[in-house]
Protein backbone atom coordinates (compact mmCIF):
# COMPACT_ATOMS: atom_id res chain seq x y z
CA MET A 1 78.60 103.29 -151.89
CA LYS A 2 78.37 99.87 -153.90
CA PHE A 3 80.53 99.00 -156.41
CA ASN A 4 78.44 97.41 -159.48
CA SER A 5 81.21 95.39 -161.08
CA ASP A 6 78.55 93.46 -163.30
CA LEU A 7 77.47 97.02 -164.67
CA ILE A 8 81.26 97.39 -165.43
CA LYS A 9 81.44 94.33 -167.19
CA ASN A 10 78.55 94.43 -169.06
CA LEU A 11 79.60 98.06 -170.65
CA SER A 12 83.09 96.66 -171.52
CA ASP A 13 81.85 94.19 -172.93
CA CYS A 14 79.31 95.51 -175.01
CA PHE A 15 80.21 95.83 -178.60
CA SER A 16 80.08 99.41 -179.75
CA PRO A 17 83.16 101.04 -181.91
CA SER A 18 82.51 104.91 -183.20
CA GLY A 19 79.51 105.41 -185.12
CA ARG A 20 78.18 102.16 -184.12
CA GLU A 21 76.69 102.63 -180.53
CA GLN A 22 73.38 101.49 -181.15
CA ASN A 23 74.28 98.29 -178.52
CA VAL A 24 75.79 100.41 -175.74
CA ARG A 25 73.02 102.79 -176.03
CA GLU A 26 70.03 100.25 -175.51
CA LEU A 27 71.97 98.75 -172.39
CA ILE A 28 72.28 102.66 -170.75
CA ILE A 29 68.93 103.04 -171.51
CA ASN A 30 67.70 99.90 -169.80
CA GLU A 31 69.63 101.04 -166.73
CA ILE A 32 68.55 104.59 -166.74
CA LYS A 33 65.25 105.39 -168.12
CA ASP A 34 62.92 104.70 -164.56
CA TYR A 35 65.47 107.08 -163.30
CA VAL A 36 65.36 110.40 -165.29
CA ASP A 37 62.28 112.36 -166.14
CA ASP A 38 62.52 111.85 -170.03
CA PHE A 39 65.74 111.44 -172.38
CA ASN A 40 66.10 111.40 -176.32
CA ILE A 41 68.52 110.38 -178.99
CA ASP A 42 69.46 112.76 -181.32
CA SER A 43 70.30 113.02 -185.57
CA LEU A 44 73.79 112.04 -184.16
CA GLY A 45 73.05 109.37 -182.01
CA ASN A 46 73.75 110.95 -178.52
CA LEU A 47 71.25 109.79 -175.72
CA ILE A 48 70.55 112.67 -173.45
CA ALA A 49 68.78 111.95 -170.53
CA ARG A 50 66.98 115.02 -168.16
CA LYS A 51 66.47 115.90 -164.83
CA LYS A 52 64.15 118.65 -164.68
CA GLY A 53 65.03 122.01 -163.05
CA ALA A 54 64.29 125.75 -163.05
CA GLY A 55 67.86 126.37 -161.78
CA LYS A 56 71.49 126.51 -163.76
CA LYS A 57 71.63 124.22 -166.74
CA ILE A 58 74.53 121.88 -166.07
CA MET A 59 75.74 119.34 -168.74
CA PHE A 60 77.77 116.20 -168.04
CA SER A 61 79.06 114.03 -171.10
CA ALA A 62 80.42 110.65 -171.00
CA HIS A 63 81.07 108.86 -174.70
CA MET A 64 79.60 105.57 -175.08
CA ASP A 65 82.38 104.73 -178.49
CA GLN A 66 85.47 102.53 -178.31
CA ILE A 67 88.69 102.38 -180.30
CA GLY A 68 88.06 99.69 -183.23
CA LEU A 69 89.31 98.77 -186.66
CA ILE A 70 86.90 99.14 -189.80
CA ILE A 71 87.33 96.18 -192.60
CA THR A 72 88.84 97.97 -196.17
CA HIS A 73 89.22 94.95 -198.19
CA VAL A 74 87.99 91.23 -197.85
CA ASP A 75 90.30 88.29 -199.31
CA GLU A 76 88.43 84.63 -200.19
CA LYS A 77 91.31 83.13 -198.63
CA GLY A 78 90.24 84.92 -194.85
CA PHE A 79 92.63 87.72 -194.56
CA LEU A 80 90.94 90.92 -193.52
CA SER A 81 92.87 94.70 -194.56
CA PHE A 82 91.94 97.19 -192.45
CA SER A 83 92.14 100.81 -190.82
CA ASN A 84 91.85 101.89 -187.58
CA VAL A 85 88.82 104.27 -185.91
CA GLY A 86 90.04 106.30 -183.04
CA GLY A 87 93.87 106.25 -182.08
CA LEU A 88 95.47 103.01 -182.42
CA GLN A 89 99.09 102.96 -183.58
CA ALA A 90 100.02 99.11 -185.58
CA LYS A 91 102.62 97.92 -183.79
CA GLU A 92 100.92 97.63 -180.78
CA LEU A 93 98.12 95.92 -182.49
CA LEU A 94 100.19 92.95 -183.79
CA GLY A 95 98.87 89.30 -182.02
CA HIS A 96 95.87 91.03 -180.20
CA ARG A 97 92.22 88.95 -181.06
CA VAL A 98 89.32 90.63 -182.13
CA ILE A 99 85.69 90.54 -182.29
CA PHE A 100 83.29 91.87 -184.69
CA ASN A 101 79.41 92.28 -184.02
CA ASN A 102 78.36 89.11 -185.11
CA GLY A 103 80.24 87.10 -182.85
CA LEU A 104 83.12 85.91 -185.12
CA GLU A 105 86.63 86.30 -184.05
CA GLY A 106 90.12 86.78 -185.54
CA VAL A 107 93.49 87.74 -184.62
CA ILE A 108 96.01 90.74 -186.08
CA CYS A 109 98.50 88.84 -188.00
CA SER A 110 101.72 90.90 -190.14
CA GLU A 111 103.15 90.37 -193.37
CA GLU A 112 106.80 89.87 -193.37
CA VAL A 113 108.54 93.18 -192.08
CA LYS A 114 112.51 93.33 -191.26
CA ASP A 115 111.83 96.54 -189.04
CA LYS A 116 108.97 95.83 -186.39
CA ASP A 117 109.78 99.70 -185.67
CA LYS A 118 108.13 100.52 -188.77
CA LEU A 119 105.37 98.43 -189.09
CA THR A 120 102.26 99.73 -190.32
CA MET A 121 98.39 99.70 -190.98
CA SER A 122 99.03 98.77 -194.15
CA LYS A 123 101.51 95.35 -193.40
CA LEU A 124 98.74 93.92 -190.79
CA TYR A 125 96.01 91.78 -191.53
CA ILE A 126 92.95 89.85 -189.58
CA ASP A 127 93.05 86.15 -189.78
CA VAL A 128 89.52 84.73 -189.57
CA ALA A 129 90.63 81.45 -189.28
CA SER A 130 88.75 79.53 -191.96
CA THR A 131 89.47 77.69 -195.39
CA SER A 132 86.46 78.27 -196.67
CA SER A 133 86.00 81.20 -199.09
CA ASP A 134 82.37 80.77 -198.96
CA PHE A 135 82.34 81.56 -195.05
CA VAL A 136 84.40 84.18 -195.35
CA LYS A 137 82.21 86.07 -198.42
CA LYS A 138 79.25 85.40 -196.17
CA ASN A 139 79.94 86.65 -192.73
CA PHE A 140 82.71 89.73 -193.52
CA GLN A 141 82.42 92.44 -196.02
CA ILE A 142 84.26 96.07 -196.33
CA GLY A 143 82.93 97.96 -193.45
CA ASP A 144 82.69 95.68 -191.27
CA MET A 145 84.02 96.72 -187.33
CA CYS A 146 85.72 95.07 -184.65
CA VAL A 147 87.35 95.37 -181.36
CA PHE A 148 89.41 94.14 -178.77
CA LYS A 149 88.82 90.68 -177.70
CA THR A 150 89.40 90.95 -173.91
CA ASP A 151 88.42 89.10 -170.92
CA PHE A 152 87.27 90.99 -167.92
CA TYR A 153 89.18 90.98 -164.76
CA GLU A 154 89.02 92.61 -161.28
CA ASN A 155 90.59 92.10 -157.84
CA GLU A 156 90.18 94.06 -154.54
CA ASP A 157 90.93 97.24 -155.72
CA CYS A 158 91.81 97.15 -159.66
CA ILE A 159 90.32 96.21 -162.88
CA ILE A 160 91.29 95.28 -165.81
CA CYS A 161 89.33 95.47 -169.44
CA LYS A 162 89.13 96.92 -172.36
CA ALA A 163 86.61 99.95 -173.45
CA ALA A 164 87.12 101.51 -170.00
CA ASP A 165 87.79 104.49 -172.10
CA ASP A 166 84.65 105.73 -171.93
CA ARG A 167 82.74 103.06 -170.27
CA ILE A 168 83.77 104.05 -166.95
CA GLY A 169 82.56 107.49 -167.67
CA CYS A 170 79.48 106.41 -168.51
CA TYR A 171 79.08 104.04 -165.58
CA ILE A 172 79.82 107.11 -163.47
CA LEU A 173 77.24 109.08 -164.98
CA ILE A 174 74.64 106.12 -164.74
CA GLU A 175 75.44 105.79 -160.86
CA ALA A 176 74.84 109.68 -160.71
CA ILE A 177 71.88 109.59 -162.37
CA LYS A 178 70.21 106.64 -159.73
CA ASN A 179 71.63 108.59 -156.96
CA HIS A 180 70.44 112.11 -158.19
CA PRO A 181 70.22 114.27 -155.22
CA SER A 182 67.59 117.29 -154.86
CA THR A 183 68.41 120.48 -156.59
CA ASP A 184 66.74 122.98 -158.76
CA ASN A 185 69.46 122.81 -161.42
CA ASP A 186 68.19 121.39 -165.07
CA ILE A 187 70.35 118.68 -165.63
CA TYR A 188 71.51 116.88 -168.78
CA TYR A 189 73.35 113.41 -168.78
CA VAL A 190 74.62 113.09 -171.94
CA PHE A 191 75.85 109.56 -173.46
CA SER A 192 77.88 110.92 -176.40
CA VAL A 193 79.05 109.24 -179.78
CA GLN A 194 81.97 109.33 -181.90
CA GLU A 195 84.41 110.84 -179.40
CA GLU A 196 87.31 108.58 -180.30
CA VAL A 197 87.32 110.15 -183.74
CA GLY A 198 86.98 113.77 -183.09
CA THR A 199 84.33 114.71 -179.85
CA ARG A 200 81.63 114.44 -182.65
CA GLY A 201 78.51 114.04 -180.63
CA ALA A 202 79.29 116.37 -177.86
CA LYS A 203 79.97 118.97 -180.44
CA THR A 204 76.17 118.79 -181.50
CA ALA A 205 74.70 117.99 -178.18
CA GLY A 206 76.64 121.09 -176.54
CA TYR A 207 74.77 123.12 -179.36
CA SER A 208 71.36 121.88 -179.06
CA ILE A 209 71.69 121.91 -175.14
CA ASN A 210 73.53 125.20 -174.70
CA PRO A 211 74.57 124.59 -170.76
CA ASP A 212 75.57 127.12 -168.10
CA LEU A 213 78.34 124.65 -167.29
CA ALA A 214 79.60 121.68 -168.94
CA ILE A 215 81.82 118.79 -166.92
CA ALA A 216 82.96 115.61 -169.05
CA LEU A 217 83.49 112.12 -167.42
CA ASP A 218 86.66 110.27 -169.16
CA ILE A 219 89.99 108.26 -168.79
CA THR A 220 93.14 110.22 -168.02
CA ALA A 221 96.42 108.80 -168.15
CA THR A 222 98.97 108.23 -165.09
CA GLY A 223 102.34 108.71 -163.89
CA ASP A 224 102.58 105.65 -161.60
CA SER A 225 103.73 103.07 -163.93
CA LEU A 226 107.19 102.44 -165.50
CA ASP A 227 106.06 104.09 -169.23
CA LYS A 228 107.75 107.17 -167.85
CA THR A 229 104.55 109.15 -168.61
CA LYS A 230 105.50 112.45 -166.54
CA MET A 231 102.40 113.49 -164.65
CA ASP A 232 101.33 113.42 -160.61
CA VAL A 233 98.14 111.60 -161.42
CA LYS A 234 97.87 108.39 -159.89
CA LEU A 235 95.87 105.17 -159.20
CA ASN A 236 93.84 105.39 -155.89
CA GLY A 237 94.32 108.82 -155.71
CA GLY A 238 90.98 109.98 -156.14
CA ALA A 239 89.08 112.06 -158.95
CA ALA A 240 91.21 113.90 -161.21
CA ILE A 241 90.38 117.29 -161.82
CA LYS A 242 91.68 118.44 -165.31
CA LEU A 243 93.86 121.92 -165.02
CA MET A 244 94.38 121.39 -168.93
CA ASP A 245 94.98 118.93 -172.11
CA LYS A 246 95.38 119.51 -175.86
CA SER A 247 91.77 120.72 -176.46
CA LEU A 248 90.81 122.72 -173.26
CA ILE A 249 92.13 124.92 -170.58
CA THR A 250 89.80 124.21 -167.62
CA HIS A 251 87.92 127.36 -166.68
CA PRO A 252 89.50 128.83 -163.89
CA GLU A 253 86.04 129.48 -162.01
CA VAL A 254 85.19 125.17 -163.01
CA LYS A 255 88.17 124.49 -161.61
CA ASP A 256 87.55 126.02 -158.21
CA LEU A 257 84.03 124.61 -158.27
CA LEU A 258 85.47 121.36 -158.57
CA THR A 259 88.25 121.72 -155.76
CA ASN A 260 86.13 123.40 -153.61
CA LEU A 261 83.09 120.72 -153.72
CA ALA A 262 85.81 117.80 -153.42
CA LYS A 263 87.02 119.71 -149.99
CA ASN A 264 83.91 120.64 -148.55
CA ASN A 265 82.83 117.08 -149.13
CA ASN A 266 85.52 115.06 -148.33
CA ILE A 267 86.11 113.95 -151.73
CA LYS A 268 89.67 112.60 -152.32
CA TYR A 269 90.70 114.71 -155.56
CA GLN A 270 93.90 115.37 -157.42
CA TYR A 271 95.03 117.57 -160.52
CA GLU A 272 95.48 116.75 -163.93
CA VAL A 273 97.85 118.36 -166.48
CA LEU A 274 97.42 115.76 -169.68
CA GLU A 275 100.23 116.88 -172.34
CA PHE A 276 97.90 114.99 -174.93
CA GLY A 277 94.45 114.06 -175.88
CA GLY A 278 91.30 115.89 -175.62
CA THR A 279 87.78 115.17 -174.26
CA ASP A 280 83.98 116.25 -174.85
CA ALA A 281 84.43 118.89 -173.14
CA GLY A 282 86.98 120.45 -175.90
CA ALA A 283 84.46 120.06 -178.26
CA ILE A 284 81.64 121.78 -175.82
CA HIS A 285 83.70 124.73 -174.49
CA LEU A 286 83.60 126.26 -178.01
CA THR A 287 79.95 125.57 -178.92
CA ARG A 288 77.78 128.83 -179.59
CA GLU A 289 78.85 131.63 -177.52
CA GLY A 290 81.30 129.45 -175.65
CA VAL A 291 80.67 127.06 -172.24
CA PRO A 292 82.08 127.34 -168.73
CA SER A 293 83.46 123.98 -168.86
CA GLY A 294 85.89 121.42 -167.03
CA VAL A 295 86.61 117.32 -166.76
CA ILE A 296 86.43 114.78 -164.04
CA SER A 297 88.87 112.33 -164.96
CA ILE A 298 89.37 108.85 -164.09
CA PRO A 299 93.24 107.71 -163.97
CA THR A 300 93.94 104.61 -165.98
CA ARG A 301 96.90 102.85 -167.38
CA ASN A 302 97.53 101.26 -170.60
CA LEU A 303 95.06 103.87 -172.59
CA HIS A 304 94.10 102.85 -175.67
CA THR A 305 95.03 99.25 -175.40
CA SER A 306 93.00 95.91 -174.46
CA GLY A 307 93.95 95.95 -170.94
CA GLU A 308 93.19 99.51 -169.44
CA ILE A 309 93.63 99.32 -165.44
CA PHE A 310 91.45 101.88 -163.08
CA ASN A 311 90.60 101.97 -159.59
CA LYS A 312 87.65 101.22 -157.98
CA ASN A 313 88.15 103.37 -155.10
CA ASP A 314 88.77 106.41 -157.89
CA VAL A 315 85.54 105.43 -159.48
CA ILE A 316 83.74 106.08 -156.34
CA GLU A 317 85.19 109.36 -155.68
CA CYS A 318 84.39 110.86 -159.22
CA ILE A 319 80.39 109.57 -158.43
CA LYS A 320 80.75 111.76 -155.25
CA LEU A 321 82.05 114.86 -156.97
CA VAL A 322 79.57 114.69 -159.95
CA ILE A 323 76.81 114.32 -157.40
CA ALA A 324 77.87 117.01 -155.66
CA VAL A 325 78.01 119.73 -158.47
CA VAL A 326 74.64 118.46 -159.47
CA LYS A 327 73.70 120.17 -156.12
C-alpha cells in the first residue's frame, strides 16, 4: 500500500480548530465523494459517509478538529489575549508561532513572570507584529481562532507535523474508503467535530447512526521516548488496539475481534492502556442502550504540541485493520 504523503500534508496544514472544521471537511469531501454511496453533513457539522449494505451496521469515527486558541481581547497595539480550545498548557506555548484563518501570523509571548513553572494563560498574549492600530482592528477580533504554525517534515519512516491528532485518523479512513472491500456490512465513515472540547460530534453521530459496532481512530501516547510515560506502545510497533483509557474500557468481544483480525491478516499490532485522555469511542459507547466499541490507535510522540511524530508503517497497519473490520 502506497503512503500518500501529499494527502497527509494537506490534512495537517488545513486550518480547522474545534468548531471551525469547514475547511478540512471540504478537503475530505473532495477526496471521498467518488468512493461512497452517499454522504451528509449533520446539524453539528459531522461528515457522515456511507457504503451501503444489508448486514451489520459498523461505525468508524475520526475527528476533524485540532487544538487551537481563541481570542478573548484585542489590544490596539497588536497584542491579543486568548484562551485555549482543547488541551493545551500555558508553559508549553511560549515562543510558538500561530496562524489565523486569514493567513496572518503571530507569536506567543509572555508578560514578566518570575516563576515560569507558574505561567498561566492570562499572562500570555499573541504579538501580531504590527504597530498599526488600523491594521489590528481590521484583521483581528474577539472570537477569532488560531492554530500552531509548523512546517511539515518527512523522512524515510516518520513524519513530524501539527494536527496529527487526528488528521492521521482522517487519513486512515480516507484510505480505507478508497480501498473499501466487498462486504455485506453497512459501513458509516464519520469525520467528527469538536472532539478536542468533549467528543461532542461523536455523541450526536453515534446517536443518529445507532451502530452495532463502533471503532474510533485516534492517536495515542508512546512509552519509547524520554518523557517517562510508562506504557508499552511504541513507534513502528504496529496498530495499537486500545484496552482502556479514561473514557472507555474496550468491550471484550471488540478487543478479541480486533486481535483475531490482526492475527489472521498478518497485521502488526500492539495493545494499549492509556492512563489519561479519551476518544470518540468514549462518547459513542454510551449512546442509546450502549454500543460495543473499541479504538484503533496510532502511536504518536509529543501529543498536543506543534510537532507530533508518528511512523508511516504504523499508519499502514491501521488502514489494513480498518479494512479487515469492514469485511
